[in-house]
Amino acid sequence: MPELPEVETVRAGLAAIVTGRRIEQVTVLHARPVRRHVGGPGDFAAALAGRTFDDPRRRGKYLWLPFTDGDALLAHLGMSGQFRLDAADAPLLPNTRVLFDLAPPPVGPLDTTVAPSLNQLRFVDQRMFGGLSLSPGGADLPAELAHIGRDLFDPDFDTASVVARIRRKRSGIKRVLLDQTVTSGIGNIYADEALWRVKLHYDTAADSLRPARIRELLDAARTVMAEALAQGGTSFDSLYVNVNGSSGYFGRALAVYGREGLPCLRCGRAIVREAFMNRSSFRCPSCQRRPRAATYRVPG
């Protein structure tokens, strides 16, 4: 699934093309992507027509497109969701699910603008794990995302509070990094990359780490995601692209994720892949040694 750098890349791309544009018509080509909208596909289309987009927003890897009336379009990209801007008469990409016909972009002194012929925003989703729904009053923060923790790039991110919360967890540190209620935006890829940078095994108990060590890990996660963002995120295939169809290139710079059997860039030992929470973890067996003691303390 896309993580913070990938979703921020999409958000920034959307901001440049939809902010200030009115939705003239919505066409739902497949009902599944709007399954979370209680009124169904017809009501979804009717409820969005006539609204004007404000600047798209994000918390962690969660994206929403506010409307100027205070509501918002909540967008979950799932594993393969994409937003693409095209001309309404251009051929549809395979797996196109929802169409938003847009009014021409606003013209102003700061307008750099999108070509007026690019007047249709399309939601494309091959696997259809993603979805779109209307969030009433959700312009500032949809109620559906109120439980999601602030991410490492949020100006109101409270490092001391998050460090203290992490130290109260008895789970392995990677499980805690992936807990979006603690801090959001970090997924499997960037968790592995951050842990490699600070030489921590993913199963190290969170409550065994000193505060300075946790801050070091959070700083590493922030740094690696900033580097990925500068390259448009990480793309392994055509399922993750920006609104113009371009892929991210940070996958070429990953130090550990997806590099099973290749030499560690720090010590030369072969990277290993291990089962973790129905997915995989990648680590260097020399730089990131398994904790000697029991991973978790038994409560009581």
C-alpha atoms as a PDB file:
ATOM      1  CA  MET A   1       0.000   0.000   0.000  1.00  0.00           C
ATOM      2  CA  PRO A   2       1.191   3.554  -0.619  1.00  0.00           C
ATOM      3  CA  GLU A   3       2.806   5.174   2.402  1.00  0.00           C
ATOM      4  CA  LEU A   4       3.260   8.829   3.330  1.00  0.00           C
ATOM      5  CA  PRO A   5       5.655   9.854   0.499  1.00  0.00           C
ATOM      6  CA  GLU A   6       3.479   8.252  -2.160  1.00  0.00           C
ATOM      7  CA  VAL A   7       0.246   9.746  -0.825  1.00  0.00           C
ATOM      8  CA  GLU A   8       1.856  13.178  -0.423  1.00  0.00           C
ATOM      9  CA  THR A   9       3.028  12.986  -4.039  1.00  0.00           C
ATOM     10  CA  VAL A  10      -0.557  12.287  -5.121  1.00  0.00           C
ATOM     11  CA  ARG A  11      -1.911  15.049  -2.848  1.00  0.00           C
ATOM     12  CA  ALA A  12       0.480  17.614  -4.296  1.00  0.00           C
ATOM     13  CA  GLY A  13      -0.391  16.527  -7.814  1.00  0.00           C
ATOM     14  CA  LEU A  14      -4.105  16.864  -7.087  1.00  0.00           C
ATOM     15  CA  ALA A  15      -3.618  20.271  -5.459  1.00  0.00           C
ATOM     16  CA  ALA A  16      -2.194  21.616  -8.696  1.00  0.00           C
ATOM     17  CA  ILE A  17      -5.142  20.464 -10.793  1.00  0.00           C
ATOM     18  CA  VAL A  18      -8.358  20.408  -8.723  1.00  0.00           C
ATOM     19  CA  THR A  19      -8.125  23.283  -6.226  1.00  0.00           C
ATOM     20  CA  GLY A  20     -10.852  25.798  -7.042  1.00  0.00           C
ATOM     21  CA  ARG A  21     -12.488  23.610  -9.701  1.00  0.00           C
ATOM     22  CA  ARG A  22     -16.191  22.784  -9.618  1.00  0.00           C
ATOM     23  CA  ILE A  23     -17.490  19.278 -10.202  1.00  0.00           C
ATOM     24  CA  GLU A  24     -20.011  19.415 -13.025  1.00  0.00           C
ATOM     25  CA  GLN A  25     -20.922  15.738 -13.114  1.00  0.00           C
ATOM     26  CA  VAL A  26     -19.939  12.444 -11.489  1.00  0.00           C
ATOM     27  CA  THR A  27     -20.223   9.060 -13.185  1.00  0.00           C
ATOM     28  CA  VAL A  28     -19.766   5.883 -11.139  1.00  0.00           C
ATOM     29  CA  LEU A  29     -18.667   3.078 -13.472  1.00  0.00           C
ATOM     30  CA  HIS A  30     -18.345   0.468 -10.722  1.00  0.00           C
ATOM     31  CA  ALA A  31     -20.135   0.489  -7.380  1.00  0.00           C
ATOM     32  CA  ARG A  32     -17.417  -1.089  -5.248  1.00  0.00           C
ATOM     33  CA  PRO A  33     -15.141   1.987  -4.927  1.00  0.00           C
ATOM     34  CA  VAL A  34     -18.053   3.982  -3.433  1.00  0.00           C
ATOM     35  CA  ARG A  35     -19.263   1.141  -1.171  1.00  0.00           C
ATOM     36  CA  ARG A  36     -18.651   3.225   1.976  1.00  0.00           C
ATOM     37  CA  HIS A  37     -21.087   5.898   0.784  1.00  0.00           C
ATOM     38  CA  VAL A  38     -24.318   4.982   2.569  1.00  0.00           C
ATOM     39  CA  GLY A  39     -26.655   6.281  -0.135  1.00  0.00           C
ATOM     40  CA  GLY A  40     -25.103   4.186  -2.909  1.00  0.00           C
ATOM     41  CA  PRO A  41     -23.590   5.157  -6.291  1.00  0.00           C
ATOM     42  CA  GLY A  42     -26.495   7.305  -7.499  1.00  0.00           C
ATOM     43  CA  ASP A  43     -26.605   9.362  -4.321  1.00  0.00           C
ATOM     44  CA  PHE A  44     -22.803   9.674  -4.342  1.00  0.00           C
ATOM     45  CA  ALA A  45     -22.879  11.172  -7.846  1.00  0.00           C
ATOM     46  CA  ALA A  46     -25.745  13.544  -7.024  1.00  0.00           C
ATOM     47  CA  ALA A  47     -24.253  14.640  -3.705  1.00  0.00           C
ATOM     48  CA  LEU A  48     -20.914  15.671  -5.237  1.00  0.00           C
ATOM     49  CA  ALA A  49     -22.134  17.439  -8.381  1.00  0.00           C
ATOM     50  CA  GLY A  50     -21.914  21.225  -8.092  1.00  0.00           C
ATOM     51  CA  ARG A  51     -19.341  21.268  -5.290  1.00  0.00           C
ATOM     52  CA  THR A  52     -15.989  23.047  -5.580  1.00  0.00           C
ATOM     53  CA  PHE A  53     -12.717  21.503  -4.484  1.00  0.00           C
ATOM     54  CA  ASP A  54     -10.524  23.244  -1.927  1.00  0.00           C
ATOM     55  CA  ASP A  55      -6.837  22.379  -1.365  1.00  0.00           C
ATOM     56  CA  PRO A  56      -6.404  18.580  -0.890  1.00  0.00           C
ATOM     57  CA  ARG A  57      -5.100  17.475   2.512  1.00  0.00           C
ATOM     58  CA  ARG A  58      -3.402  14.464   4.060  1.00  0.00           C
ATOM     59  CA  ARG A  59      -2.635  12.912   7.431  1.00  0.00           C
ATOM     60  CA  GLY A  60      -0.077  10.121   7.233  1.00  0.00           C
ATOM     61  CA  LYS A  61      -1.144   7.944   4.326  1.00  0.00           C
ATOM     62  CA  TYR A  62      -4.776   9.098   4.440  1.00  0.00           C
ATOM     63  CA  LEU A  63      -5.995  11.573   1.838  1.00  0.00           C
ATOM     64  CA  TRP A  64      -9.047  13.784   1.594  1.00  0.00           C
ATOM     65  CA  LEU A  65     -10.214  16.454  -0.841  1.00  0.00           C
ATOM     66  CA  PRO A  66     -12.073  19.224   1.027  1.00  0.00           C
ATOM     67  CA  PHE A  67     -14.893  21.143  -0.589  1.00  0.00           C
ATOM     68  CA  THR A  68     -15.371  24.862  -0.113  1.00  0.00           C
ATOM     69  CA  ASP A  69     -18.694  24.165   1.660  1.00  0.00           C
ATOM     70  CA  GLY A  70     -16.967  22.366   4.569  1.00  0.00           C
ATOM     71  CA  ASP A  71     -17.549  18.745   3.523  1.00  0.00           C
ATOM     72  CA  ALA A  72     -14.875  16.537   1.981  1.00  0.00           C
ATOM     73  CA  LEU A  73     -14.273  13.642  -0.375  1.00  0.00           C
ATOM     74  CA  LEU A  74     -12.435  10.983   1.606  1.00  0.00           C
ATOM     75  CA  ALA A  75     -10.118   8.960  -0.644  1.00  0.00           C
ATOM     76  CA  HIS A  76      -8.470   5.681   0.287  1.00  0.00           C
ATOM     77  CA  LEU A  77      -6.020   4.513  -2.386  1.00  0.00           C
ATOM     78  CA  GLY A  78      -5.822   0.937  -1.113  1.00  0.00           C
ATOM     79  CA  MET A  79      -3.202  -1.089  -2.971  1.00  0.00           C
ATOM     80  CA  SER A  80      -3.786   0.204  -6.479  1.00  0.00           C
ATOM     81  CA  GLY A  81      -5.913   3.357  -6.420  1.00  0.00           C
ATOM     82  CA  GLN A  82      -4.877   6.195  -8.717  1.00  0.00           C
ATOM     83  CA  PHE A  83      -6.196   9.627  -9.629  1.00  0.00           C
ATOM     84  CA  ARG A  84      -5.559  10.578 -13.261  1.00  0.00           C
ATOM     85  CA  LEU A  85      -6.418  13.814 -15.085  1.00  0.00           C
ATOM     86  CA  ASP A  86      -7.366  13.560 -18.729  1.00  0.00           C
ATOM     87  CA  ALA A  87      -9.615  14.954 -21.428  1.00  0.00           C
ATOM     88  CA  ALA A  88     -13.203  13.740 -21.159  1.00  0.00           C
ATOM     89  CA  ASP A  89     -13.051  12.319 -24.692  1.00  0.00           C
ATOM     90  CA  ALA A  90      -9.766  10.445 -24.130  1.00  0.00           C
ATOM     91  CA  PRO A  91      -9.947   6.632 -23.996  1.00  0.00           C
ATOM     92  CA  LEU A  92     -10.435   5.266 -20.505  1.00  0.00           C
ATOM     93  CA  LEU A  93      -7.637   3.357 -18.859  1.00  0.00           C
ATOM     94  CA  PRO A  94      -8.478  -0.212 -17.856  1.00  0.00           C
ATOM     95  CA  ASN A  95     -10.003  -0.375 -14.369  1.00  0.00           C
ATOM     96  CA  THR A  96     -11.337   3.200 -14.436  1.00  0.00           C
ATOM     97  CA  ARG A  97     -14.043   3.272 -11.757  1.00  0.00           C
ATOM     98  CA  VAL A  98     -15.284   6.839 -11.178  1.00  0.00           C
ATOM     99  CA  LEU A  99     -15.296   9.952 -13.395  1.00  0.00           C
ATOM    100  CA  PHE A 100     -15.438  13.567 -12.214  1.00  0.00           C
ATOM    101  CA  ASP A 101     -16.165  16.075 -14.973  1.00  0.00           C
ATOM    102  CA  LEU A 102     -14.617  19.391 -13.925  1.00  0.00           C
ATOM    103  CA  ALA A 103     -15.324  22.989 -14.851  1.00  0.00           C
ATOM    104  CA  PRO A 104     -12.388  24.870 -16.403  1.00  0.00           C
ATOM    105  CA  PRO A 105      -9.646  25.804 -13.919  1.00  0.00           C
ATOM    106  CA  PRO A 106      -9.892  29.238 -12.296  1.00  0.00           C
ATOM    107  CA  VAL A 107      -7.846  31.977 -13.925  1.00  0.00           C
ATOM    108  CA  GLY A 108      -5.968  34.431 -11.754  1.00  0.00           C
ATOM    109  CA  PRO A 109      -2.697  36.327 -11.393  1.00  0.00           C
ATOM    110  CA  LEU A 110      -0.967  33.265  -9.907  1.00  0.00           C
ATOM    111  CA  ASP A 111      -2.509  30.765 -12.328  1.00  0.00           C
ATOM    112  CA  THR A 112       0.036  28.533 -13.998  1.00  0.00           C
ATOM    113  CA  THR A 113      -2.690  26.418 -15.186  1.00  0.00           C
ATOM    114  CA  VAL A 114      -3.730  23.081 -16.278  1.00  0.00           C
ATOM    115  CA  ALA A 115      -4.823  22.907 -19.905  1.00  0.00           C
ATOM    116  CA  PRO A 116      -8.616  23.479 -20.093  1.00  0.00           C
ATOM    117  CA  SER A 117      -8.917  20.337 -22.236  1.00  0.00           C
ATOM    118  CA  LEU A 118      -7.871  18.241 -19.222  1.00  0.00           C
ATOM    119  CA  ASN A 119     -11.301  18.367 -17.693  1.00  0.00           C
ATOM    120  CA  GLN A 120     -11.925  14.923 -16.252  1.00  0.00           C
ATOM    121  CA  LEU A 121     -10.506  13.512 -13.020  1.00  0.00           C
ATOM    122  CA  ARG A 122     -10.576   9.723 -13.042  1.00  0.00           C
ATOM    123  CA  PHE A 123     -10.292   7.272 -10.175  1.00  0.00           C
ATOM    124  CA  VAL A 124      -8.598   4.100 -11.402  1.00  0.00           C
ATOM    125  CA  ASP A 125      -8.320   1.057  -9.166  1.00  0.00           C
ATOM    126  CA  GLN A 126      -7.330  -2.374 -10.428  1.00  0.00           C
ATOM    127  CA  ARG A 127      -7.782  -4.339  -7.194  1.00  0.00           C
ATOM    128  CA  MET A 128     -10.570  -2.134  -5.788  1.00  0.00           C
ATOM    129  CA  PHE A 129      -9.373  -2.193  -2.183  1.00  0.00           C
ATOM    130  CA  GLY A 130      -9.510   1.609  -2.248  1.00  0.00           C
ATOM    131  CA  GLY A 131     -12.592   3.746  -2.030  1.00  0.00           C
ATOM    132  CA  LEU A 132     -14.263   7.153  -2.117  1.00  0.00           C
ATOM    133  CA  SER A 133     -16.914   8.529   0.230  1.00  0.00           C
ATOM    134  CA  LEU A 134     -18.440  11.849   1.214  1.00  0.00           C
ATOM    135  CA  SER A 135     -17.436  13.010   4.712  1.00  0.00           C
ATOM    136  CA  PRO A 136     -19.915  15.626   6.012  1.00  0.00           C
ATOM    137  CA  GLY A 137     -18.087  18.433   7.811  1.00  0.00           C
ATOM    138  CA  GLY A 138     -14.783  16.727   7.076  1.00  0.00           C
ATOM    139  CA  ALA A 139     -12.888  19.573   5.415  1.00  0.00           C
ATOM    140  CA  ASP A 140     -10.473  20.121   8.322  1.00  0.00           C
ATOM    141  CA  LEU A 141     -10.276  16.476   9.411  1.00  0.00           C
ATOM    142  CA  PRO A 142     -12.839  13.806   8.493  1.00  0.00           C
ATOM    143  CA  ALA A 143     -14.392  12.121  11.530  1.00  0.00           C
ATOM    144  CA  GLU A 144     -13.356   8.814   9.973  1.00  0.00           C
ATOM    145  CA  LEU A 145      -9.702   9.797  10.501  1.00  0.00           C
ATOM    146  CA  ALA A 146      -9.963  11.344  13.968  1.00  0.00           C
ATOM    147  CA  HIS A 147      -8.224   8.330  15.536  1.00  0.00           C
ATOM    148  CA  ILE A 148      -5.214   8.555  13.213  1.00  0.00           C
ATOM    149  CA  GLY A 149      -2.052   9.915  14.828  1.00  0.00           C
ATOM    150  CA  ARG A 150      -0.228  12.942  13.466  1.00  0.00           C
ATOM    151  CA  ASP A 151       2.575  12.125  11.064  1.00  0.00           C
ATOM    152  CA  LEU A 152       6.242  13.069  11.329  1.00  0.00           C
ATOM    153  CA  PHE A 153       5.818  16.030   8.944  1.00  0.00           C
ATOM    154  CA  ASP A 154       2.857  17.531  10.779  1.00  0.00           C
ATOM    155  CA  PRO A 155       3.849  20.906  12.307  1.00  0.00           C
ATOM    156  CA  ASP A 156       1.907  19.912  15.436  1.00  0.00           C
ATOM    157  CA  PHE A 157       3.650  16.544  15.819  1.00  0.00           C
ATOM    158  CA  ASP A 158       4.589  16.184  19.505  1.00  0.00           C
ATOM    159  CA  THR A 159       7.815  14.176  19.606  1.00  0.00           C
ATOM    160  CA  ALA A 160       8.007  13.910  23.396  1.00  0.00           C
ATOM    161  CA  SER A 161       4.441  12.638  23.645  1.00  0.00           C
ATOM    162  CA  VAL A 162       4.918  10.071  20.886  1.00  0.00           C
ATOM    163  CA  VAL A 163       8.201   8.846  22.370  1.00  0.00           C
ATOM    164  CA  ALA A 164       6.502   8.374  25.733  1.00  0.00           C
ATOM    165  CA  ARG A 165       3.634   6.507  24.111  1.00  0.00           C
ATOM    166  CA  ILE A 166       5.985   4.211  22.222  1.00  0.00           C
ATOM    167  CA  ARG A 167       7.870   3.392  25.428  1.00  0.00           C
ATOM    168  CA  ARG A 168       4.623   2.206  27.010  1.00  0.00           C
ATOM    169  CA  LYS A 169       4.138  -0.389  24.279  1.00  0.00           C
ATOM    170  CA  ARG A 170       5.229  -3.972  24.919  1.00  0.00           C
ATOM    171  CA  SER A 171       5.096  -4.959  21.261  1.00  0.00           C
ATOM    172  CA  GLY A 172       8.052  -5.209  18.934  1.00  0.00           C
ATOM    173  CA  ILE A 173       9.142  -1.832  17.655  1.00  0.00           C
ATOM    174  CA  LYS A 174       8.103  -2.428  14.057  1.00  0.00           C
ATOM    175  CA  ARG A 175       4.556  -3.276  15.126  1.00  0.00           C
ATOM    176  CA  VAL A 176       4.467   0.051  16.946  1.00  0.00           C
ATOM    177  CA  LEU A 177       5.785   1.958  13.928  1.00  0.00           C
ATOM    178  CA  LEU A 178       2.999   0.428  11.842  1.00  0.00           C
ATOM    179  CA  ASP A 179       0.317   1.409  14.362  1.00  0.00           C
ATOM    180  CA  GLN A 180      -1.275   4.405  12.648  1.00  0.00           C
ATOM    181  CA  THR A 181      -2.855   5.617  15.887  1.00  0.00           C
ATOM    182  CA  VAL A 182       0.610   6.224  17.370  1.00  0.00           C
ATOM    183  CA  THR A 183       2.125   8.048  14.422  1.00  0.00           C
ATOM    184  CA  SER A 184       0.825   7.770  10.883  1.00  0.00           C
ATOM    185  CA  GLY A 185       2.352   7.419   7.453  1.00  0.00           C
ATOM    186  CA  ILE A 186       4.963   4.739   8.114  1.00  0.00           C
ATOM    187  CA  GLY A 187       4.281   1.425   6.400  1.00  0.00           C
ATOM    188  CA  ASN A 188       6.253  -1.736   5.778  1.00  0.00           C
ATOM    189  CA  ILE A 189       8.796  -0.209   3.389  1.00  0.00           C
ATOM    190  CA  TYR A 190       9.827   2.832   5.396  1.00  0.00           C
ATOM    191  CA  ALA A 191       9.705   0.963   8.709  1.00  0.00           C
ATOM    192  CA  ASP A 192      12.285  -1.495   7.379  1.00  0.00           C
ATOM    193  CA  GLU A 193      14.404   1.305   5.950  1.00  0.00           C
ATOM    194  CA  ALA A 194      14.349   3.328   9.192  1.00  0.00           C
ATOM    195  CA  LEU A 195      15.153   0.283  11.338  1.00  0.00           C
ATOM    196  CA  TRP A 196      18.113  -0.555   9.101  1.00  0.00           C
ATOM    197  CA  ARG A 197      19.449   2.987   9.369  1.00  0.00           C
ATOM    198  CA  VAL A 198      19.549   2.846  13.170  1.00  0.00           C
ATOM    199  CA  LYS A 199      20.588  -0.850  13.329  1.00  0.00           C
ATOM    200  CA  LEU A 200      17.514  -2.104  15.176  1.00  0.00           C
ATOM    201  CA  HIS A 201      15.875  -5.507  14.836  1.00  0.00           C
ATOM    202  CA  TYR A 202      12.147  -5.221  14.117  1.00  0.00           C
ATOM    203  CA  ASP A 203      11.272  -7.443  17.115  1.00  0.00           C
ATOM    204  CA  THR A 204      13.075  -5.318  19.710  1.00  0.00           C
ATOM    205  CA  ALA A 205      10.580  -4.550  22.476  1.00  0.00           C
ATOM    206  CA  ALA A 206       9.464  -0.929  22.276  1.00  0.00           C
ATOM    207  CA  ASP A 207       9.440  -0.564  26.066  1.00  0.00           C
ATOM    208  CA  SER A 208      13.088  -1.646  26.236  1.00  0.00           C
ATOM    209  CA  LEU A 209      14.295   1.339  24.202  1.00  0.00           C
ATOM    210  CA  ARG A 210      15.645   4.530  25.718  1.00  0.00           C
ATOM    211  CA  PRO A 211      13.942   7.797  24.708  1.00  0.00           C
ATOM    212  CA  ALA A 212      17.013   8.945  22.758  1.00  0.00           C
ATOM    213  CA  ARG A 213      16.992   5.710  20.765  1.00  0.00           C
ATOM    214  CA  ILE A 214      13.327   6.165  19.834  1.00  0.00           C
ATOM    215  CA  ARG A 215      13.971   9.761  18.778  1.00  0.00           C
ATOM    216  CA  GLU A 216      16.832   8.504  16.606  1.00  0.00           C
ATOM    217  CA  LEU A 217      14.474   6.010  14.972  1.00  0.00           C
ATOM    218  CA  LEU A 218      11.772   8.634  14.359  1.00  0.00           C
ATOM    219  CA  ASP A 219      14.373  10.972  12.878  1.00  0.00           C
ATOM    220  CA  ALA A 220      15.529   8.168  10.575  1.00  0.00           C
ATOM    221  CA  ALA A 221      11.959   7.504   9.464  1.00  0.00           C
ATOM    222  CA  ARG A 222      11.410  11.197   8.766  1.00  0.00           C
ATOM    223  CA  THR A 223      14.660  11.422   6.805  1.00  0.00           C
ATOM    224  CA  VAL A 224      14.070   8.354   4.656  1.00  0.00           C
ATOM    225  CA  MET A 225      10.520   9.474   3.843  1.00  0.00           C
ATOM    226  CA  ALA A 226      11.744  12.965   2.954  1.00  0.00           C
ATOM    227  CA  GLU A 227      14.296  11.417   0.596  1.00  0.00           C
ATOM    228  CA  ALA A 228      11.596   9.246  -0.963  1.00  0.00           C
ATOM    229  CA  LEU A 229       9.260  12.215  -1.332  1.00  0.00           C
ATOM    230  CA  ALA A 230      11.969  14.146  -3.188  1.00  0.00           C
ATOM    231  CA  GLN A 231      11.953  11.330  -5.773  1.00  0.00           C
ATOM    232  CA  GLY A 232       8.183  11.009  -6.037  1.00  0.00           C
ATOM    233  CA  GLY A 233       7.859   8.039  -3.702  1.00  0.00           C
ATOM    234  CA  THR A 234       8.593   4.366  -4.242  1.00  0.00           C
ATOM    235  CA  SER A 235       7.188   2.513  -7.258  1.00  0.00           C
ATOM    236  CA  PHE A 236       7.672  -1.198  -7.877  1.00  0.00           C
ATOM    237  CA  ASP A 237       5.126  -1.471 -10.691  1.00  0.00           C
ATOM    238  CA  SER A 238       2.513   0.546 -12.563  1.00  0.00           C
ATOM    239  CA  LEU A 239      -0.016   0.414  -9.712  1.00  0.00           C
ATOM    240  CA  TYR A 240       1.407   3.483  -7.998  1.00  0.00           C
ATOM    241  CA  VAL A 241       1.702   6.601 -10.161  1.00  0.00           C
ATOM    242  CA  ASN A 242       1.168  10.332  -9.819  1.00  0.00           C
ATOM    243  CA  VAL A 243      -1.804  12.128 -11.402  1.00  0.00           C
ATOM    244  CA  ASN A 244       0.149  12.558 -14.634  1.00  0.00           C
ATOM    245  CA  GLY A 245       1.045   8.853 -14.796  1.00  0.00           C
ATOM    246  CA  SER A 246       4.665   9.217 -13.688  1.00  0.00           C
ATOM    247  CA  SER A 247       6.252   6.721 -11.279  1.00  0.00           C
ATOM    248  CA  GLY A 248       8.382   7.381  -8.217  1.00  0.00           C
ATOM    249  CA  TYR A 249      12.038   6.415  -8.318  1.00  0.00           C
ATOM    250  CA  PHE A 250      13.025   5.912  -4.681  1.00  0.00           C
ATOM    251  CA  GLY A 251      12.748   2.143  -5.126  1.00  0.00           C
ATOM    252  CA  ARG A 252      16.168   2.336  -6.752  1.00  0.00           C
ATOM    253  CA  ALA A 253      17.625   3.810  -3.551  1.00  0.00           C
ATOM    254  CA  LEU A 254      16.176   1.401  -0.983  1.00  0.00           C
ATOM    255  CA  ALA A 255      18.852   0.029   1.317  1.00  0.00           C
ATOM    256  CA  VAL A 256      17.100  -3.088   2.610  1.00  0.00           C
ATOM    257  CA  TYR A 257      13.449  -3.480   1.572  1.00  0.00           C
ATOM    258  CA  GLY A 258      13.079  -5.903  -1.337  1.00  0.00           C
ATOM    259  CA  ARG A 259      16.833  -6.678  -1.388  1.00  0.00           C
ATOM    260  CA  GLU A 260      16.783 -10.294  -0.158  1.00  0.00           C
ATOM    261  CA  GLY A 261      20.098 -12.005  -0.894  1.00  0.00           C
ATOM    262  CA  LEU A 262      21.840  -8.785  -1.928  1.00  0.00           C
ATOM    263  CA  PRO A 263      24.736  -7.411   0.132  1.00  0.00           C
ATOM    264  CA  CYS A 264      24.048  -4.975   2.940  1.00  0.00           C
ATOM    265  CA  LEU A 265      25.208  -1.540   1.830  1.00  0.00           C
ATOM    266  CA  ARG A 266      26.908  -1.082   5.200  1.00  0.00           C
ATOM    267  CA  CYS A 267      28.587  -4.414   6.026  1.00  0.00           C
ATOM    268  CA  GLY A 268      28.217  -6.619   2.968  1.00  0.00           C
ATOM    269  CA  ARG A 269      26.257  -9.445   4.630  1.00  0.00           C
ATOM    270  CA  ALA A 270      23.339 -10.792   2.596  1.00  0.00           C
ATOM    271  CA  ILE A 271      19.970  -9.200   3.400  1.00  0.00           C
ATOM    272  CA  VAL A 272      17.350 -11.647   4.686  1.00  0.00           C
ATOM    273  CA  ARG A 273      13.588 -11.659   4.353  1.00  0.00           C
ATOM    274  CA  GLU A 274      11.456 -12.955   7.213  1.00  0.00           C
ATOM    275  CA  ALA A 275       7.719 -13.436   7.708  1.00  0.00           C
ATOM    276  CA  PHE A 276       6.114 -10.625   9.694  1.00  0.00           C
ATOM    277  CA  MET A 277       2.406  -9.943  10.297  1.00  0.00           C
ATOM    278  CA  ASN A 278       1.283 -11.631   7.053  1.00  0.00           C
ATOM    279  CA  ARG A 279       3.900  -9.697   5.119  1.00  0.00           C
ATOM    280  CA  SER A 280       7.695  -9.602   4.967  1.00  0.00           C
ATOM    281  CA  SER A 281      10.441  -7.846   6.889  1.00  0.00           C
ATOM    282  CA  PHE A 282      13.869  -7.251   5.423  1.00  0.00           C
ATOM    283  CA  ARG A 283      16.955  -6.783   7.582  1.00  0.00           C
ATOM    284  CA  CYS A 284      20.708  -7.252   7.731  1.00  0.00           C
ATOM    285  CA  PRO A 285      21.477 -10.168  10.102  1.00  0.00           C
ATOM    286  CA  SER A 286      24.749  -8.498  11.159  1.00  0.00           C
ATOM    287  CA  CYS A 287      23.657  -4.880  11.544  1.00  0.00           C
ATOM    288  CA  GLN A 288      20.237  -5.733  12.984  1.00  0.00           C
ATOM    289  CA  ARG A 289      20.758  -8.641  15.350  1.00  0.00           C
ATOM    290  CA  ARG A 290      17.828 -10.360  17.007  1.00  0.00           C
ATOM    291  CA  PRO A 291      17.386  -9.272  20.655  1.00  0.00           C
ATOM    292  CA  ARG A 292      19.058 -11.673  23.099  1.00  0.00           C
ATOM    293  CA  ALA A 293      16.397 -11.457  25.778  1.00  0.00           C
ATOM    294  CA  ALA A 294      12.738 -12.342  25.352  1.00  0.00           C
ATOM    295  CA  THR A 295      11.150  -9.865  22.990  1.00  0.00           C
ATOM    296  CA  TYR A 296       8.213  -8.929  25.186  1.00  0.00           C
ATOM    297  CA  ARG A 297       7.684  -8.751  28.943  1.00  0.00           C
ATOM    298  CA  VAL A 298       4.713 -10.661  30.300  1.00  0.00           C
ATOM    299  CA  PRO A 299       2.226  -8.312  32.024  1.00  0.00           C
ATOM    300  CA  GLY A 300       1.687  -8.749  35.754  1.00  0.00           C
END
